[in-house]
Amino acid sequence: MRTWSYLRDLTPENLGVSLGEFYRMIARLPGEPGSDVLRQLLQDRSEWLERVFATHKQPTNYPVRAVLLYGIAECRRS
C-alpha cells in the first residue's frame, strides 16, 4: 500500500476512486476525535504523534475532518 506525506497528494486520481467515493471516504473519518482516539487510531505512529502533541496545548477535540476537507478543497482550487 502506498503512503503519502502531504495532503496535496490525497486526490481521487491518486487513490483510484471516483470523486463521490473520495468524499464518502472522508465522511467516514472521525469528525472531531480527542487525543485518546487519535492514539488508538495511530498506534503504529505513536512516537510521531506524541511529538506532535508536545508542540501545543491539546484541545478537547481536533477538527480532523473539517481541516482535511478545507485543505483538500484548497489544494484542488489552487
PDB file of N, CA and C in Angstrom:
ATOM      1  N   MET A   1       0.838  -1.179   0.000  1.00  0.00           N
ATOM      2  CA  MET A   1       0.000   0.000   0.000  1.00  0.00           C
ATOM      3  C   MET A   1       0.882   1.240   0.000  1.00  0.00           C
ATOM      4  N   ARG A   2       0.593   2.158  -0.868  1.00  0.00           N
ATOM      5  CA  ARG A   2       1.373   3.389  -0.961  1.00  0.00           C
ATOM      6  C   ARG A   2       0.945   4.365   0.125  1.00  0.00           C
ATOM      7  N   THR A   3       1.899   5.100   0.660  1.00  0.00           N
ATOM      8  CA  THR A   3       1.587   6.146   1.626  1.00  0.00           C
ATOM      9  C   THR A   3       2.031   7.477   1.054  1.00  0.00           C
ATOM     10  N   TRP A   4       1.371   8.530   1.495  1.00  0.00           N
ATOM     11  CA  TRP A   4       1.702   9.870   1.043  1.00  0.00           C
ATOM     12  C   TRP A   4       2.086  10.719   2.234  1.00  0.00           C
ATOM     13  N   SER A   5       2.933  11.688   1.998  1.00  0.00           N
ATOM     14  CA  SER A   5       3.410  12.546   3.071  1.00  0.00           C
ATOM     15  C   SER A   5       2.668  13.868   3.148  1.00  0.00           C
ATOM     16  N   TYR A   6       1.999  14.244   2.074  1.00  0.00           N
ATOM     17  CA  TYR A   6       1.388  15.567   2.013  1.00  0.00           C
ATOM     18  C   TYR A   6      -0.086  15.476   1.663  1.00  0.00           C
ATOM     19  N   LEU A   7      -0.846  16.397   2.218  1.00  0.00           N
ATOM     20  CA  LEU A   7      -2.272  16.459   1.948  1.00  0.00           C
ATOM     21  C   LEU A   7      -2.552  16.634   0.459  1.00  0.00           C
ATOM     22  N   ARG A   8      -1.709  17.382  -0.213  1.00  0.00           N
ATOM     23  CA  ARG A   8      -1.906  17.627  -1.647  1.00  0.00           C
ATOM     24  C   ARG A   8      -1.888  16.334  -2.463  1.00  0.00           C
ATOM     25  N   ASP A   9      -1.296  15.278  -1.916  1.00  0.00           N
ATOM     26  CA  ASP A   9      -1.226  14.008  -2.627  1.00  0.00           C
ATOM     27  C   ASP A   9      -2.501  13.182  -2.513  1.00  0.00           C
ATOM     28  N   LEU A  10      -3.392  13.556  -1.594  1.00  0.00           N
ATOM     29  CA  LEU A  10      -4.646  12.826  -1.444  1.00  0.00           C
ATOM     30  C   LEU A  10      -5.659  13.347  -2.457  1.00  0.00           C
ATOM     31  N   THR A  11      -5.726  12.661  -3.572  1.00  0.00           N
ATOM     32  CA  THR A  11      -6.667  13.019  -4.629  1.00  0.00           C
ATOM     33  C   THR A  11      -7.402  11.756  -5.066  1.00  0.00           C
ATOM     34  N   PRO A  12      -8.592  11.924  -5.632  1.00  0.00           N
ATOM     35  CA  PRO A  12      -9.294  10.747  -6.156  1.00  0.00           C
ATOM     36  C   PRO A  12      -8.450  10.000  -7.184  1.00  0.00           C
ATOM     37  N   GLU A  13      -7.723  10.744  -7.994  1.00  0.00           N
ATOM     38  CA  GLU A  13      -6.887  10.127  -9.028  1.00  0.00           C
ATOM     39  C   GLU A  13      -5.787   9.261  -8.407  1.00  0.00           C
ATOM     40  N   ASN A  14      -5.104   9.799  -7.403  1.00  0.00           N
ATOM     41  CA  ASN A  14      -4.029   9.037  -6.752  1.00  0.00           C
ATOM     42  C   ASN A  14      -4.549   7.813  -6.011  1.00  0.00           C
ATOM     43  N   LEU A  15      -5.767   7.917  -5.501  1.00  0.00           N
ATOM     44  CA  LEU A  15      -6.351   6.796  -4.762  1.00  0.00           C
ATOM     45  C   LEU A  15      -7.094   5.829  -5.680  1.00  0.00           C
ATOM     46  N   GLY A  16      -7.322   6.242  -6.933  1.00  0.00           N
ATOM     47  CA  GLY A  16      -8.019   5.377  -7.888  1.00  0.00           C
ATOM     48  C   GLY A  16      -9.499   5.218  -7.601  1.00  0.00           C
ATOM     49  N   VAL A  17     -10.125   6.291  -7.114  1.00  0.00           N
ATOM     50  CA  VAL A  17     -11.552   6.250  -6.803  1.00  0.00           C
ATOM     51  C   VAL A  17     -12.252   7.441  -7.448  1.00  0.00           C
ATOM     52  N   SER A  18     -13.572   7.371  -7.506  1.00  0.00           N
ATOM     53  CA  SER A  18     -14.347   8.492  -8.037  1.00  0.00           C
ATOM     54  C   SER A  18     -14.363   9.631  -7.015  1.00  0.00           C
ATOM     55  N   LEU A  19     -14.736  10.818  -7.460  1.00  0.00           N
ATOM     56  CA  LEU A  19     -14.821  11.961  -6.552  1.00  0.00           C
ATOM     57  C   LEU A  19     -15.850  11.691  -5.452  1.00  0.00           C
ATOM     58  N   GLY A  20     -16.990  11.094  -5.814  1.00  0.00           N
ATOM     59  CA  GLY A  20     -18.005  10.775  -4.822  1.00  0.00           C
ATOM     60  C   GLY A  20     -17.488   9.816  -3.762  1.00  0.00           C
ATOM     61  N   GLU A  21     -16.783   8.756  -4.194  1.00  0.00           N
ATOM     62  CA  GLU A  21     -16.218   7.795  -3.238  1.00  0.00           C
ATOM     63  C   GLU A  21     -15.154   8.458  -2.365  1.00  0.00           C
ATOM     64  N   PHE A  22     -14.378   9.352  -2.952  1.00  0.00           N
ATOM     65  CA  PHE A  22     -13.356  10.095  -2.221  1.00  0.00           C
ATOM     66  C   PHE A  22     -13.992  10.836  -1.045  1.00  0.00           C
ATOM     67  N   TYR A  23     -15.072  11.560  -1.305  1.00  0.00           N
ATOM     68  CA  TYR A  23     -15.731  12.311  -0.239  1.00  0.00           C
ATOM     69  C   TYR A  23     -16.469  11.394   0.738  1.00  0.00           C
ATOM     70  N   ARG A  24     -16.965  10.250   0.278  1.00  0.00           N
ATOM     71  CA  ARG A  24     -17.563   9.285   1.203  1.00  0.00           C
ATOM     72  C   ARG A  24     -16.496   8.735   2.157  1.00  0.00           C
ATOM     73  N   MET A  25     -15.289   8.524   1.648  1.00  0.00           N
ATOM     74  CA  MET A  25     -14.189   8.059   2.493  1.00  0.00           C
ATOM     75  C   MET A  25     -13.878   9.096   3.574  1.00  0.00           C
ATOM     76  N   ILE A  26     -13.821  10.356   3.185  1.00  0.00           N
ATOM     77  CA  ILE A  26     -13.534  11.427   4.142  1.00  0.00           C
ATOM     78  C   ILE A  26     -14.652  11.537   5.172  1.00  0.00           C
ATOM     79  N   ALA A  27     -15.896  11.363   4.722  1.00  0.00           N
ATOM     80  CA  ALA A  27     -17.040  11.454   5.637  1.00  0.00           C
ATOM     81  C   ALA A  27     -16.993  10.363   6.711  1.00  0.00           C
ATOM     82  N   ARG A  28     -16.318   9.255   6.445  1.00  0.00           N
ATOM     83  CA  ARG A  28     -16.214   8.165   7.425  1.00  0.00           C
ATOM     84  C   ARG A  28     -15.131   8.423   8.476  1.00  0.00           C
ATOM     85  N   LEU A  29     -14.311   9.431   8.262  1.00  0.00           N
ATOM     86  CA  LEU A  29     -13.293   9.770   9.266  1.00  0.00           C
ATOM     87  C   LEU A  29     -13.962  10.332  10.506  1.00  0.00           C
ATOM     88  N   PRO A  30     -13.330  10.184  11.671  1.00  0.00           N
ATOM     89  CA  PRO A  30     -13.920  10.798  12.874  1.00  0.00           C
ATOM     90  C   PRO A  30     -13.942  12.314  12.707  1.00  0.00           C
ATOM     91  N   GLY A  31     -15.059  12.918  13.042  1.00  0.00           N
ATOM     92  CA  GLY A  31     -15.215  14.360  12.871  1.00  0.00           C
ATOM     93  C   GLY A  31     -14.295  15.177  13.744  1.00  0.00           C
ATOM     94  N   GLU A  32     -14.353  14.945  15.041  1.00  0.00           N
ATOM     95  CA  GLU A  32     -13.542  15.701  15.989  1.00  0.00           C
ATOM     96  C   GLU A  32     -13.036  14.783  17.098  1.00  0.00           C
ATOM     97  N   PRO A  33     -12.091  13.909  16.764  1.00  0.00           N
ATOM     98  CA  PRO A  33     -11.598  12.988  17.785  1.00  0.00           C
ATOM     99  C   PRO A  33     -10.727  13.688  18.824  1.00  0.00           C
ATOM    100  N   GLY A  34     -10.746  13.150  20.023  1.00  0.00           N
ATOM    101  CA  GLY A  34      -9.850  13.617  21.068  1.00  0.00           C
ATOM    102  C   GLY A  34      -8.502  12.933  20.914  1.00  0.00           C
ATOM    103  N   SER A  35      -7.545  13.331  21.730  1.00  0.00           N
ATOM    104  CA  SER A  35      -6.207  12.758  21.635  1.00  0.00           C
ATOM    105  C   SER A  35      -6.205  11.257  21.934  1.00  0.00           C
ATOM    106  N   ASP A  36      -7.113  10.801  22.813  1.00  0.00           N
ATOM    107  CA  ASP A  36      -7.175   9.379  23.123  1.00  0.00           C
ATOM    108  C   ASP A  36      -7.601   8.557  21.905  1.00  0.00           C
ATOM    109  N   VAL A  37      -8.555   9.065  21.134  1.00  0.00           N
ATOM    110  CA  VAL A  37      -8.992   8.371  19.919  1.00  0.00           C
ATOM    111  C   VAL A  37      -7.873   8.373  18.884  1.00  0.00           C
ATOM    112  N   LEU A  38      -7.189   9.503  18.737  1.00  0.00           N
ATOM    113  CA  LEU A  38      -6.076   9.573  17.790  1.00  0.00           C
ATOM    114  C   LEU A  38      -4.974   8.591  18.177  1.00  0.00           C
ATOM    115  N   ARG A  39      -4.717   8.453  19.457  1.00  0.00           N
ATOM    116  CA  ARG A  39      -3.708   7.479  19.900  1.00  0.00           C
ATOM    117  C   ARG A  39      -4.104   6.056  19.511  1.00  0.00           C
ATOM    118  N   GLN A  40      -5.383   5.735  19.634  1.00  0.00           N
ATOM    119  CA  GLN A  40      -5.859   4.405  19.253  1.00  0.00           C
ATOM    120  C   GLN A  40      -5.758   4.200  17.748  1.00  0.00           C
ATOM    121  N   LEU A  41      -6.164   5.209  16.980  1.00  0.00           N
ATOM    122  CA  LEU A  41      -6.164   5.086  15.531  1.00  0.00           C
ATOM    123  C   LEU A  41      -4.760   5.047  14.938  1.00  0.00           C
ATOM    124  N   LEU A  42      -3.830   5.720  15.595  1.00  0.00           N
ATOM    125  CA  LEU A  42      -2.473   5.845  15.059  1.00  0.00           C
ATOM    126  C   LEU A  42      -1.446   5.138  15.944  1.00  0.00           C
ATOM    127  N   GLN A  43      -1.800   3.980  16.445  1.00  0.00           N
ATOM    128  CA  GLN A  43      -0.904   3.239  17.336  1.00  0.00           C
ATOM    129  C   GLN A  43       0.460   2.983  16.715  1.00  0.00           C
ATOM    130  N   ASP A  44       0.478   2.725  15.418  1.00  0.00           N
ATOM    131  CA  ASP A  44       1.754   2.429  14.759  1.00  0.00           C
ATOM    132  C   ASP A  44       2.606   3.677  14.536  1.00  0.00           C
ATOM    133  N   ARG A  45       2.050   4.851  14.799  1.00  0.00           N
ATOM    134  CA  ARG A  45       2.788   6.116  14.662  1.00  0.00           C
ATOM    135  C   ARG A  45       2.862   6.841  16.003  1.00  0.00           C
ATOM    136  N   SER A  46       2.875   6.098  17.098  1.00  0.00           N
ATOM    137  CA  SER A  46       2.761   6.691  18.428  1.00  0.00           C
ATOM    138  C   SER A  46       3.882   7.675  18.755  1.00  0.00           C
ATOM    139  N   GLU A  47       5.110   7.359  18.386  1.00  0.00           N
ATOM    140  CA  GLU A  47       6.219   8.285  18.683  1.00  0.00           C
ATOM    141  C   GLU A  47       6.027   9.598  17.946  1.00  0.00           C
ATOM    142  N   TRP A  48       5.679   9.515  16.675  1.00  0.00           N
ATOM    143  CA  TRP A  48       5.431  10.718  15.873  1.00  0.00           C
ATOM    144  C   TRP A  48       4.274  11.517  16.474  1.00  0.00           C
ATOM    145  N   LEU A  49       3.180  10.835  16.823  1.00  0.00           N
ATOM    146  CA  LEU A  49       2.001  11.508  17.359  1.00  0.00           C
ATOM    147  C   LEU A  49       2.320  12.214  18.671  1.00  0.00           C
ATOM    148  N   GLU A  50       3.085  11.589  19.534  1.00  0.00           N
ATOM    149  CA  GLU A  50       3.443  12.234  20.802  1.00  0.00           C
ATOM    150  C   GLU A  50       4.309  13.466  20.574  1.00  0.00           C
ATOM    151  N   ARG A  51       5.177  13.430  19.560  1.00  0.00           N
ATOM    152  CA  ARG A  51       5.969  14.630  19.224  1.00  0.00           C
ATOM    153  C   ARG A  51       5.040  15.750  18.753  1.00  0.00           C
ATOM    154  N   VAL A  52       4.035  15.406  17.966  1.00  0.00           N
ATOM    155  CA  VAL A  52       3.065  16.408  17.509  1.00  0.00           C
ATOM    156  C   VAL A  52       2.303  16.976  18.699  1.00  0.00           C
ATOM    157  N   PHE A  53       1.810  16.109  19.564  1.00  0.00           N
ATOM    158  CA  PHE A  53       1.070  16.582  20.737  1.00  0.00           C
ATOM    159  C   PHE A  53       1.918  17.490  21.619  1.00  0.00           C
ATOM    160  N   ALA A  54       3.203  17.247  21.688  1.00  0.00           N
ATOM    161  CA  ALA A  54       4.087  18.041  22.542  1.00  0.00           C
ATOM    162  C   ALA A  54       4.291  19.464  22.033  1.00  0.00           C
ATOM    163  N   THR A  55       3.881  19.746  20.805  1.00  0.00           N
ATOM    164  CA  THR A  55       4.106  21.069  20.222  1.00  0.00           C
ATOM    165  C   THR A  55       3.023  22.085  20.570  1.00  0.00           C
ATOM    166  N   HIS A  56       1.972  21.669  21.251  1.00  0.00           N
ATOM    167  CA  HIS A  56       0.863  22.577  21.523  1.00  0.00           C
ATOM    168  C   HIS A  56       0.049  22.111  22.730  1.00  0.00           C
ATOM    169  N   LYS A  57      -0.753  23.036  23.228  1.00  0.00           N
ATOM    170  CA  LYS A  57      -1.701  22.682  24.281  1.00  0.00           C
ATOM    171  C   LYS A  57      -2.817  21.895  23.614  1.00  0.00           C
ATOM    172  N   GLN A  58      -3.096  20.715  24.118  1.00  0.00           N
ATOM    173  CA  GLN A  58      -4.070  19.857  23.474  1.00  0.00           C
ATOM    174  C   GLN A  58      -5.497  20.357  23.705  1.00  0.00           C
ATOM    175  N   PRO A  59      -6.242  20.543  22.611  1.00  0.00           N
ATOM    176  CA  PRO A  59      -7.649  20.915  22.760  1.00  0.00           C
ATOM    177  C   PRO A  59      -8.469  19.696  23.189  1.00  0.00           C
ATOM    178  N   THR A  60      -9.713  19.914  23.488  1.00  0.00           N
ATOM    179  CA  THR A  60     -10.589  18.798  23.834  1.00  0.00           C
ATOM    180  C   THR A  60     -10.716  17.849  22.652  1.00  0.00           C
ATOM    181  N   ASN A  61     -10.915  18.415  21.481  1.00  0.00           N
ATOM    182  CA  ASN A  61     -11.057  17.629  20.258  1.00  0.00           C
ATOM    183  C   ASN A  61     -10.306  18.309  19.115  1.00  0.00           C
ATOM    184  N   TYR A  62      -9.886  17.504  18.165  1.00  0.00           N
ATOM    185  CA  TYR A  62      -9.202  18.007  16.979  1.00  0.00           C
ATOM    186  C   TYR A  62     -10.174  17.952  15.799  1.00  0.00           C
ATOM    187  N   PRO A  63     -10.393  19.065  15.092  1.00  0.00           N
ATOM    188  CA  PRO A  63     -11.350  19.081  13.977  1.00  0.00           C
ATOM    189  C   PRO A  63     -10.771  18.449  12.708  1.00  0.00           C
ATOM    190  N   VAL A  64     -10.478  17.174  12.775  1.00  0.00           N
ATOM    191  CA  VAL A  64      -9.768  16.471  11.707  1.00  0.00           C
ATOM    192  C   VAL A  64     -10.503  16.558  10.372  1.00  0.00           C
ATOM    193  N   ARG A  65     -11.768  16.169  10.352  1.00  0.00           N
ATOM    194  CA  ARG A  65     -12.498  16.115   9.083  1.00  0.00           C
ATOM    195  C   ARG A  65     -12.623  17.502   8.448  1.00  0.00           C
ATOM    196  N   ALA A  66     -12.959  18.511   9.236  1.00  0.00           N
ATOM    197  CA  ALA A  66     -13.111  19.862   8.694  1.00  0.00           C
ATOM    198  C   ALA A  66     -11.800  20.391   8.122  1.00  0.00           C
ATOM    199  N   VAL A  67     -10.715  20.176   8.845  1.00  0.00           N
ATOM    200  CA  VAL A  67      -9.406  20.639   8.367  1.00  0.00           C
ATOM    201  C   VAL A  67      -9.008  19.899   7.096  1.00  0.00           C
ATOM    202  N   LEU A  68      -9.245  18.605   7.072  1.00  0.00           N
ATOM    203  CA  LEU A  68      -8.923  17.807   5.897  1.00  0.00           C
ATOM    204  C   LEU A  68      -9.728  18.261   4.679  1.00  0.00           C
ATOM    205  N   LEU A  69     -11.036  18.463   4.850  1.00  0.00           N
ATOM    206  CA  LEU A  69     -11.868  18.917   3.734  1.00  0.00           C
ATOM    207  C   LEU A  69     -11.418  20.288   3.229  1.00  0.00           C
ATOM    208  N   TYR A  70     -11.115  21.183   4.152  1.00  0.00           N
ATOM    209  CA  TYR A  70     -10.648  22.515   3.755  1.00  0.00           C
ATOM    210  C   TYR A  70      -9.327  22.425   2.993  1.00  0.00           C
ATOM    211  N   GLY A  71      -8.405  21.664   3.528  1.00  0.00           N
ATOM    212  CA  GLY A  71      -7.088  21.544   2.888  1.00  0.00           C
ATOM    213  C   GLY A  71      -7.183  20.933   1.504  1.00  0.00           C
ATOM    214  N   ILE A  72      -7.971  19.875   1.364  1.00  0.00           N
ATOM    215  CA  ILE A  72      -8.121  19.229   0.049  1.00  0.00           C
ATOM    216  C   ILE A  72      -8.787  20.181  -0.930  1.00  0.00           C
ATOM    217  N   ALA A  73      -9.820  20.884  -0.487  1.00  0.00           N
ATOM    218  CA  ALA A  73     -10.504  21.838  -1.369  1.00  0.00           C
ATOM    219  C   ALA A  73      -9.549  22.935  -1.824  1.00  0.00           C
ATOM    220  N   GLU A  74      -8.726  23.441  -0.928  1.00  0.00           N
ATOM    221  CA  GLU A  74      -7.768  24.492  -1.290  1.00  0.00           C
ATOM    222  C   GLU A  74      -6.707  23.979  -2.258  1.00  0.00           C
ATOM    223  N   CYS A  75      -6.249  22.751  -2.049  1.00  0.00           N
ATOM    224  CA  CYS A  75      -5.260  22.171  -2.982  1.00  0.00           C
ATOM    225  C   CYS A  75      -5.867  22.016  -4.374  1.00  0.00           C
ATOM    226  N   ARG A  76      -7.106  21.548  -4.434  1.00  0.00           N
ATOM    227  CA  ARG A  76      -7.757  21.366  -5.735  1.00  0.00           C
ATOM    228  C   ARG A  76      -8.037  22.724  -6.381  1.00  0.00           C
ATOM    229  N   ARG A  77      -8.415  23.715  -5.587  1.00  0.00           N
ATOM    230  CA  ARG A  77      -8.726  25.047  -6.116  1.00  0.00           C
ATOM    231  C   ARG A  77      -7.481  25.697  -6.709  1.00  0.00           C
ATOM    232  N   SER A  78      -6.378  25.557  -6.038  1.00  0.00           N
ATOM    233  CA  SER A  78      -5.175  26.228  -6.499  1.00  0.00           C
ATOM    234  C   SER A  78      -4.501  25.422  -7.599  1.00  0.00           C
TER     235      SER A  78
END
